Amino acid sequence: MAVTGDESETGSSGGELLGSDLHTSSSATLGLTLAHPARTPTEDASQKREHRLMKNREAARECRRKKKEYVKCLENRVAVLESQNQTLMEELKGLKDIYQQKL
């Protein structure tokens, strides 16, 4: 990078760029170009948002699936317990009848 006397922006020593100035300006430029040459900050933020939303949708879908599975399991358990309860009530009624006959 050559600096002439008629350029308006100058380094810290009146027209020359010092080694530290040259290093800072070139590394900042290279950092931006090498990291994401075609992305603007809004595109990057938009892409991150879309990725986050996609992950959130997947997590919500998985949560709903697990909830359905859990509810089905509870419904099955209710059916089994109701059946057991009915059987026990019938057994209790039979035992009460036998006890009443002995009195």
N, C-alpha and C. Protein backbone atom coordinates (compact mmCIF):
# COMPACT_ATOMS: atom_id res chain seq x y z
N MET A 1 0.85 -1.16 0.00
CA MET A 1 0.00 0.00 0.00
C MET A 1 0.89 1.23 0.00
N ALA A 2 0.78 2.04 -1.00
CA ALA A 2 1.59 3.25 -1.10
C ALA A 2 0.76 4.44 -0.69
N VAL A 3 1.35 5.34 0.07
CA VAL A 3 0.64 6.53 0.53
C VAL A 3 1.35 7.73 -0.08
N THR A 4 0.58 8.57 -0.73
CA THR A 4 1.16 9.79 -1.30
C THR A 4 0.80 10.97 -0.43
N GLY A 5 1.45 12.06 -0.61
CA GLY A 5 1.23 13.26 0.21
C GLY A 5 -0.11 13.90 -0.03
N ASP A 6 -0.79 13.69 -1.17
CA ASP A 6 -2.05 14.37 -1.43
C ASP A 6 -3.26 13.57 -0.99
N GLU A 7 -3.08 12.44 -0.36
CA GLU A 7 -4.22 11.71 0.17
C GLU A 7 -4.61 12.31 1.51
N SER A 8 -5.91 12.34 1.78
CA SER A 8 -6.38 13.02 2.98
C SER A 8 -6.19 12.18 4.23
N GLU A 9 -6.30 10.88 4.14
CA GLU A 9 -6.13 10.05 5.33
C GLU A 9 -4.67 9.66 5.46
N THR A 10 -4.13 9.94 6.59
CA THR A 10 -2.73 9.64 6.81
C THR A 10 -2.58 8.82 8.07
N GLY A 11 -1.44 8.16 8.19
CA GLY A 11 -1.14 7.38 9.38
C GLY A 11 -0.71 8.30 10.50
N SER A 12 -0.11 7.74 11.53
CA SER A 12 0.23 8.51 12.71
C SER A 12 1.50 9.33 12.52
N SER A 13 2.26 9.14 11.46
CA SER A 13 3.50 9.91 11.29
C SER A 13 3.43 10.77 10.03
N GLY A 14 2.39 11.50 9.86
CA GLY A 14 2.27 12.51 8.81
C GLY A 14 2.40 11.99 7.39
N GLY A 15 1.68 10.99 6.99
CA GLY A 15 1.70 10.56 5.61
C GLY A 15 2.20 9.14 5.44
N GLU A 16 2.83 8.60 6.43
CA GLU A 16 3.30 7.22 6.35
C GLU A 16 2.48 6.34 7.29
N LEU A 17 2.26 5.14 6.87
CA LEU A 17 1.61 4.18 7.76
C LEU A 17 2.70 3.46 8.53
N LEU A 18 2.55 3.42 9.81
CA LEU A 18 3.49 2.67 10.63
C LEU A 18 3.21 1.19 10.50
N GLY A 19 4.14 0.40 10.90
CA GLY A 19 3.98 -1.05 10.84
C GLY A 19 2.76 -1.51 11.62
N SER A 20 2.51 -0.91 12.79
CA SER A 20 1.35 -1.31 13.60
C SER A 20 0.05 -0.91 12.92
N ASP A 21 0.03 0.27 12.28
CA ASP A 21 -1.17 0.71 11.57
C ASP A 21 -1.46 -0.22 10.39
N LEU A 22 -0.41 -0.59 9.68
CA LEU A 22 -0.56 -1.46 8.52
C LEU A 22 -1.07 -2.83 8.96
N HIS A 23 -0.49 -3.34 10.05
CA HIS A 23 -0.89 -4.65 10.56
C HIS A 23 -2.35 -4.63 11.00
N THR A 24 -2.77 -3.60 11.73
CA THR A 24 -4.14 -3.51 12.23
C THR A 24 -5.14 -3.41 11.10
N SER A 25 -4.88 -2.54 10.15
CA SER A 25 -5.85 -2.35 9.07
C SER A 25 -5.92 -3.58 8.16
N SER A 26 -4.79 -4.20 7.86
CA SER A 26 -4.83 -5.35 6.96
C SER A 26 -5.43 -6.58 7.65
N SER A 27 -5.15 -6.78 8.94
CA SER A 27 -5.70 -7.95 9.62
C SER A 27 -7.20 -7.81 9.81
N ALA A 28 -7.67 -6.60 10.04
CA ALA A 28 -9.11 -6.41 10.18
C ALA A 28 -9.81 -6.69 8.86
N THR A 29 -9.23 -6.22 7.77
CA THR A 29 -9.81 -6.45 6.46
C THR A 29 -9.77 -7.93 6.11
N LEU A 30 -8.64 -8.57 6.37
CA LEU A 30 -8.52 -9.99 6.07
C LEU A 30 -9.46 -10.83 6.92
N GLY A 31 -9.62 -10.45 8.18
CA GLY A 31 -10.51 -11.19 9.07
C GLY A 31 -11.93 -11.19 8.55
N LEU A 32 -12.40 -10.07 8.08
CA LEU A 32 -13.76 -10.00 7.55
C LEU A 32 -13.89 -10.78 6.25
N THR A 33 -12.89 -10.67 5.40
CA THR A 33 -12.99 -11.34 4.10
C THR A 33 -12.85 -12.85 4.25
N LEU A 34 -11.99 -13.29 5.11
CA LEU A 34 -11.78 -14.73 5.23
C LEU A 34 -12.91 -15.40 6.01
N ALA A 35 -13.46 -14.71 7.00
CA ALA A 35 -14.50 -15.33 7.82
C ALA A 35 -15.77 -15.58 7.02
N HIS A 36 -16.35 -14.56 6.44
CA HIS A 36 -17.60 -14.68 5.68
C HIS A 36 -17.55 -13.69 4.52
N PRO A 37 -16.99 -14.08 3.41
CA PRO A 37 -16.82 -13.12 2.32
C PRO A 37 -18.13 -12.66 1.70
N ALA A 38 -19.19 -13.48 1.66
CA ALA A 38 -20.40 -13.09 0.95
C ALA A 38 -21.54 -12.73 1.89
N ARG A 39 -21.35 -12.83 3.18
CA ARG A 39 -22.44 -12.58 4.12
C ARG A 39 -22.38 -11.17 4.70
N THR A 40 -23.54 -10.60 4.85
CA THR A 40 -23.64 -9.34 5.58
C THR A 40 -24.10 -9.69 6.99
N PRO A 41 -23.92 -8.79 7.92
CA PRO A 41 -24.34 -9.10 9.30
C PRO A 41 -25.84 -9.44 9.41
N THR A 42 -26.67 -8.79 8.60
CA THR A 42 -28.10 -9.10 8.67
C THR A 42 -28.40 -10.49 8.11
N GLU A 43 -27.67 -10.89 7.06
CA GLU A 43 -27.86 -12.24 6.51
C GLU A 43 -27.42 -13.29 7.52
N ASP A 44 -26.32 -13.02 8.21
CA ASP A 44 -25.81 -13.95 9.21
C ASP A 44 -26.81 -14.07 10.36
N ALA A 45 -27.33 -12.95 10.83
CA ALA A 45 -28.31 -12.97 11.92
C ALA A 45 -29.59 -13.68 11.47
N SER A 46 -29.99 -13.43 10.23
CA SER A 46 -31.19 -14.07 9.69
C SER A 46 -30.99 -15.58 9.60
N GLN A 47 -29.81 -15.98 9.16
CA GLN A 47 -29.52 -17.41 9.04
C GLN A 47 -29.48 -18.07 10.42
N LYS A 48 -28.92 -17.39 11.42
CA LYS A 48 -28.89 -17.92 12.78
C LYS A 48 -30.31 -18.05 13.33
N ARG A 49 -31.14 -17.05 13.04
CA ARG A 49 -32.53 -17.07 13.51
C ARG A 49 -33.27 -18.25 12.88
N GLU A 50 -33.11 -18.44 11.57
CA GLU A 50 -33.76 -19.55 10.89
C GLU A 50 -33.31 -20.89 11.47
N HIS A 51 -32.02 -21.01 11.74
CA HIS A 51 -31.49 -22.25 12.33
C HIS A 51 -32.09 -22.48 13.71
N ARG A 52 -32.17 -21.41 14.51
CA ARG A 52 -32.75 -21.52 15.84
C ARG A 52 -34.22 -21.90 15.77
N LEU A 53 -34.96 -21.28 14.86
CA LEU A 53 -36.38 -21.60 14.70
C LEU A 53 -36.58 -23.05 14.25
N MET A 54 -35.71 -23.51 13.35
CA MET A 54 -35.80 -24.89 12.87
C MET A 54 -35.56 -25.87 14.03
N LYS A 55 -34.54 -25.60 14.84
CA LYS A 55 -34.26 -26.46 15.99
C LYS A 55 -35.41 -26.42 16.99
N ASN A 56 -36.00 -25.24 17.15
CA ASN A 56 -37.13 -25.10 18.07
C ASN A 56 -38.33 -25.90 17.57
N ARG A 57 -38.60 -25.86 16.27
CA ARG A 57 -39.71 -26.63 15.70
C ARG A 57 -39.49 -28.13 15.92
N GLU A 58 -38.27 -28.58 15.68
CA GLU A 58 -37.95 -30.00 15.87
C GLU A 58 -38.12 -30.40 17.34
N ALA A 59 -37.67 -29.54 18.24
CA ALA A 59 -37.80 -29.83 19.67
C ALA A 59 -39.28 -29.87 20.08
N ALA A 60 -40.07 -28.95 19.54
CA ALA A 60 -41.50 -28.92 19.85
C ALA A 60 -42.19 -30.18 19.30
N ARG A 61 -41.81 -30.58 18.09
CA ARG A 61 -42.39 -31.79 17.49
C ARG A 61 -42.06 -33.01 18.36
N GLU A 62 -40.82 -33.11 18.81
CA GLU A 62 -40.40 -34.22 19.66
C GLU A 62 -41.14 -34.19 21.00
N CYS A 63 -41.32 -33.01 21.54
CA CYS A 63 -42.03 -32.85 22.81
C CYS A 63 -43.48 -33.31 22.67
N ARG A 64 -44.14 -32.91 21.58
CA ARG A 64 -45.53 -33.34 21.35
C ARG A 64 -45.61 -34.86 21.17
N ARG A 65 -44.63 -35.44 20.46
CA ARG A 65 -44.62 -36.89 20.27
C ARG A 65 -44.48 -37.61 21.60
N LYS A 66 -43.56 -37.14 22.45
CA LYS A 66 -43.36 -37.76 23.76
C LYS A 66 -44.60 -37.62 24.64
N LYS A 67 -45.26 -36.46 24.54
CA LYS A 67 -46.45 -36.24 25.34
C LYS A 67 -47.56 -37.20 24.92
N LYS A 68 -47.74 -37.40 23.61
CA LYS A 68 -48.74 -38.34 23.11
C LYS A 68 -48.45 -39.75 23.62
N GLU A 69 -47.17 -40.12 23.56
CA GLU A 69 -46.77 -41.45 24.03
C GLU A 69 -47.06 -41.61 25.52
N TYR A 70 -46.76 -40.57 26.28
CA TYR A 70 -47.00 -40.59 27.73
C TYR A 70 -48.49 -40.71 28.03
N VAL A 71 -49.32 -39.95 27.32
CA VAL A 71 -50.77 -39.99 27.53
C VAL A 71 -51.31 -41.37 27.17
N LYS A 72 -50.83 -41.95 26.07
CA LYS A 72 -51.27 -43.31 25.69
C LYS A 72 -50.91 -44.31 26.79
N CYS A 73 -49.71 -44.17 27.32
CA CYS A 73 -49.27 -45.06 28.39
C CYS A 73 -50.18 -44.91 29.61
N LEU A 74 -50.52 -43.67 29.95
CA LEU A 74 -51.42 -43.44 31.09
C LEU A 74 -52.81 -44.01 30.82
N GLU A 75 -53.31 -43.85 29.59
CA GLU A 75 -54.62 -44.39 29.24
C GLU A 75 -54.63 -45.91 29.35
N ASN A 76 -53.55 -46.55 28.90
CA ASN A 76 -53.44 -48.01 29.03
C ASN A 76 -53.43 -48.43 30.49
N ARG A 77 -52.71 -47.68 31.29
CA ARG A 77 -52.63 -48.00 32.72
C ARG A 77 -54.00 -47.84 33.38
N VAL A 78 -54.73 -46.79 33.00
CA VAL A 78 -56.07 -46.58 33.53
C VAL A 78 -56.96 -47.76 33.18
N ALA A 79 -56.88 -48.22 31.93
CA ALA A 79 -57.71 -49.35 31.50
C ALA A 79 -57.38 -50.60 32.31
N VAL A 80 -56.08 -50.86 32.54
CA VAL A 80 -55.67 -52.04 33.31
C VAL A 80 -56.16 -51.91 34.75
N LEU A 81 -56.00 -50.75 35.34
CA LEU A 81 -56.41 -50.56 36.74
C LEU A 81 -57.93 -50.63 36.89
N GLU A 82 -58.67 -50.10 35.91
CA GLU A 82 -60.13 -50.21 35.96
C GLU A 82 -60.56 -51.67 35.88
N SER A 83 -59.88 -52.43 35.05
CA SER A 83 -60.19 -53.85 34.92
C SER A 83 -59.90 -54.58 36.24
N GLN A 84 -58.75 -54.28 36.83
CA GLN A 84 -58.39 -54.90 38.11
C GLN A 84 -59.39 -54.51 39.19
N ASN A 85 -59.79 -53.25 39.17
CA ASN A 85 -60.74 -52.75 40.16
C ASN A 85 -62.08 -53.49 40.02
N GLN A 86 -62.53 -53.65 38.78
CA GLN A 86 -63.79 -54.36 38.53
C GLN A 86 -63.69 -55.80 39.03
N THR A 87 -62.59 -56.46 38.75
CA THR A 87 -62.39 -57.84 39.20
C THR A 87 -62.41 -57.92 40.72
N LEU A 88 -61.72 -57.00 41.38
CA LEU A 88 -61.68 -57.00 42.85
C LEU A 88 -63.05 -56.71 43.45
N MET A 89 -63.81 -55.81 42.81
CA MET A 89 -65.15 -55.51 43.32
C MET A 89 -66.06 -56.74 43.20
N GLU A 90 -65.94 -57.47 42.10
CA GLU A 90 -66.73 -58.70 41.93
C GLU A 90 -66.33 -59.75 42.96
N GLU A 91 -65.03 -59.86 43.22
CA GLU A 91 -64.54 -60.81 44.22
C GLU A 91 -65.04 -60.42 45.60
N LEU A 92 -65.02 -59.13 45.90
CA LEU A 92 -65.51 -58.65 47.20
C LEU A 92 -67.00 -58.94 47.35
N LYS A 93 -67.78 -58.72 46.30
CA LYS A 93 -69.22 -59.00 46.35
C LYS A 93 -69.46 -60.49 46.60
N GLY A 94 -68.69 -61.33 45.91
CA GLY A 94 -68.82 -62.78 46.13
C GLY A 94 -68.49 -63.17 47.55
N LEU A 95 -67.45 -62.59 48.11
CA LEU A 95 -67.07 -62.90 49.49
C LEU A 95 -68.12 -62.40 50.47
N LYS A 96 -68.72 -61.24 50.20
CA LYS A 96 -69.78 -60.73 51.07
C LYS A 96 -70.99 -61.65 51.03
N ASP A 97 -71.32 -62.16 49.85
CA ASP A 97 -72.45 -63.07 49.73
C ASP A 97 -72.18 -64.35 50.53
N ILE A 98 -70.99 -64.89 50.44
CA ILE A 98 -70.64 -66.09 51.20
C ILE A 98 -70.70 -65.81 52.69
N TYR A 99 -70.25 -64.69 53.12
CA TYR A 99 -70.26 -64.32 54.54
C TYR A 99 -71.70 -64.16 55.02
N GLN A 100 -72.57 -63.54 54.22
CA GLN A 100 -73.97 -63.35 54.59
C GLN A 100 -74.71 -64.68 54.74
N GLN A 101 -74.36 -65.64 53.90
CA GLN A 101 -75.02 -66.94 53.95
C GLN A 101 -74.63 -67.71 55.20
N LYS A 102 -73.43 -67.51 55.73
CA LYS A 102 -72.97 -68.22 56.92
C LYS A 102 -73.60 -67.64 58.17
N LEU A 103 -74.07 -66.43 58.13
CA LEU A 103 -74.68 -65.84 59.33
C LEU A 103 -76.06 -66.33 59.45
